[in-house]
Amino acid sequence: IPKGFPYFCVDFGNEGGFAHVIEDEQTFPYYFGREILGGMLDAEPQLWRKPTKENFDDQRKKVLQFAEKWKPYDWTQKLCKDDDDS
């Protein structure tokens, strides 16, 4: 990336990444990031172009369900247990 140029970057961790120089910020599409992620996930365009609106309660339920499924992988819980042991 040339110094001073605006750019969009996606990092894939240990597998490199993707960078795109933004030549004209006025015409650069605001949805570019969504388009990149949608393509990476092989998602149907309607999922990321115009997502449906959800009310707060529906979103909250999804967050709580995700948090429950994530518990076995939540490394921060181990940190809290280690602090209690000291």
Protein backbone atom coordinates (compact mmCIF):
# COMPACT_ATOMS: atom_id res chain seq x y z
CA ILE A 1 0.00 0.00 0.00
CA PRO A 2 1.53 3.35 -0.96
CA LYS A 3 2.12 5.63 2.02
CA GLY A 4 -0.73 8.05 2.61
CA PHE A 5 -3.28 6.16 0.51
CA PRO A 6 -6.57 5.14 2.12
CA TYR A 7 -7.15 1.40 1.93
CA PHE A 8 -9.42 -1.43 2.98
CA CYS A 9 -7.79 -4.46 4.55
CA VAL A 10 -8.96 -7.92 5.65
CA ASP A 11 -6.54 -10.02 7.69
CA PHE A 12 -6.89 -13.80 7.58
CA GLY A 13 -4.62 -14.45 10.55
CA ASN A 14 -1.77 -16.81 9.72
CA GLU A 15 -2.90 -17.14 6.11
CA GLY A 16 -2.20 -13.62 4.88
CA GLY A 17 -4.91 -11.20 3.91
CA PHE A 18 -6.37 -8.87 1.33
CA ALA A 19 -5.76 -5.16 0.80
CA HIS A 20 -7.43 -2.81 -1.63
CA VAL A 21 -6.28 0.77 -2.25
CA ILE A 22 -9.13 3.26 -2.25
CA GLU A 23 -8.38 5.56 -5.15
CA ASP A 24 -11.45 7.78 -4.83
CA GLU A 25 -13.05 7.91 -1.40
CA GLN A 26 -16.10 9.72 -2.79
CA THR A 27 -17.07 6.81 -5.05
CA PHE A 28 -15.85 3.93 -2.85
CA PRO A 29 -18.93 1.85 -1.93
CA TYR A 30 -19.81 1.86 1.79
CA TYR A 31 -20.84 -1.81 1.51
CA PHE A 32 -17.46 -3.00 0.19
CA GLY A 33 -16.55 -4.78 3.44
CA ARG A 34 -19.89 -6.55 3.56
CA GLU A 35 -19.43 -7.66 -0.03
CA ILE A 36 -15.97 -9.10 0.74
CA LEU A 37 -17.19 -10.96 3.83
CA GLY A 38 -20.31 -12.17 2.03
CA GLY A 39 -18.14 -13.56 -0.75
CA MET A 40 -15.79 -15.25 1.72
CA LEU A 41 -18.76 -16.89 3.43
CA ASP A 42 -20.39 -17.73 0.10
CA ALA A 43 -23.49 -16.00 1.44
CA GLU A 44 -26.45 -15.07 -0.69
CA PRO A 45 -26.30 -11.34 -1.54
CA GLN A 46 -29.68 -10.60 0.06
CA LEU A 47 -28.16 -11.56 3.44
CA TRP A 48 -25.63 -8.76 3.35
CA ARG A 49 -27.04 -6.20 0.91
CA LYS A 50 -30.27 -5.42 2.70
CA PRO A 51 -30.38 -7.30 6.00
CA THR A 52 -33.80 -7.56 7.57
CA LYS A 53 -34.43 -5.46 10.65
CA GLU A 54 -34.87 -7.33 13.92
CA ASN A 55 -36.33 -6.03 17.12
CA PHE A 56 -34.22 -5.83 20.26
CA ASP A 57 -35.74 -8.89 21.96
CA ASP A 58 -35.01 -11.14 18.95
CA GLN A 59 -31.42 -9.89 18.78
CA ARG A 60 -31.00 -10.40 22.55
CA LYS A 61 -32.21 -14.02 22.29
CA LYS A 62 -29.69 -14.71 19.52
CA VAL A 63 -26.86 -13.18 21.56
CA LEU A 64 -27.75 -15.29 24.60
CA GLN A 65 -27.95 -18.45 22.47
CA PHE A 66 -24.58 -17.69 20.91
CA ALA A 67 -23.02 -17.00 24.34
CA GLU A 68 -24.24 -20.37 25.58
CA LYS A 69 -22.82 -22.21 22.55
CA TRP A 70 -19.54 -20.28 22.88
CA LYS A 71 -18.94 -21.19 26.55
CA PRO A 72 -16.75 -24.26 25.82
CA TYR A 73 -14.43 -22.06 23.73
CA ASP A 74 -14.44 -18.94 25.96
CA TRP A 75 -10.85 -18.63 27.10
CA THR A 76 -11.72 -15.61 29.24
CA GLN A 77 -13.55 -17.90 31.67
CA LYS A 78 -10.25 -19.64 32.39
CA LEU A 79 -8.66 -16.28 33.20
CA CYS A 80 -11.33 -15.60 35.81
CA LYS A 81 -10.80 -19.04 37.40
CA ASP A 82 -7.02 -18.52 37.50
CA ASP A 83 -7.54 -15.20 39.31
CA ASP A 84 -9.72 -16.94 41.91
CA ASP A 85 -7.00 -19.53 42.56
CA SER A 86 -4.37 -16.94 43.50
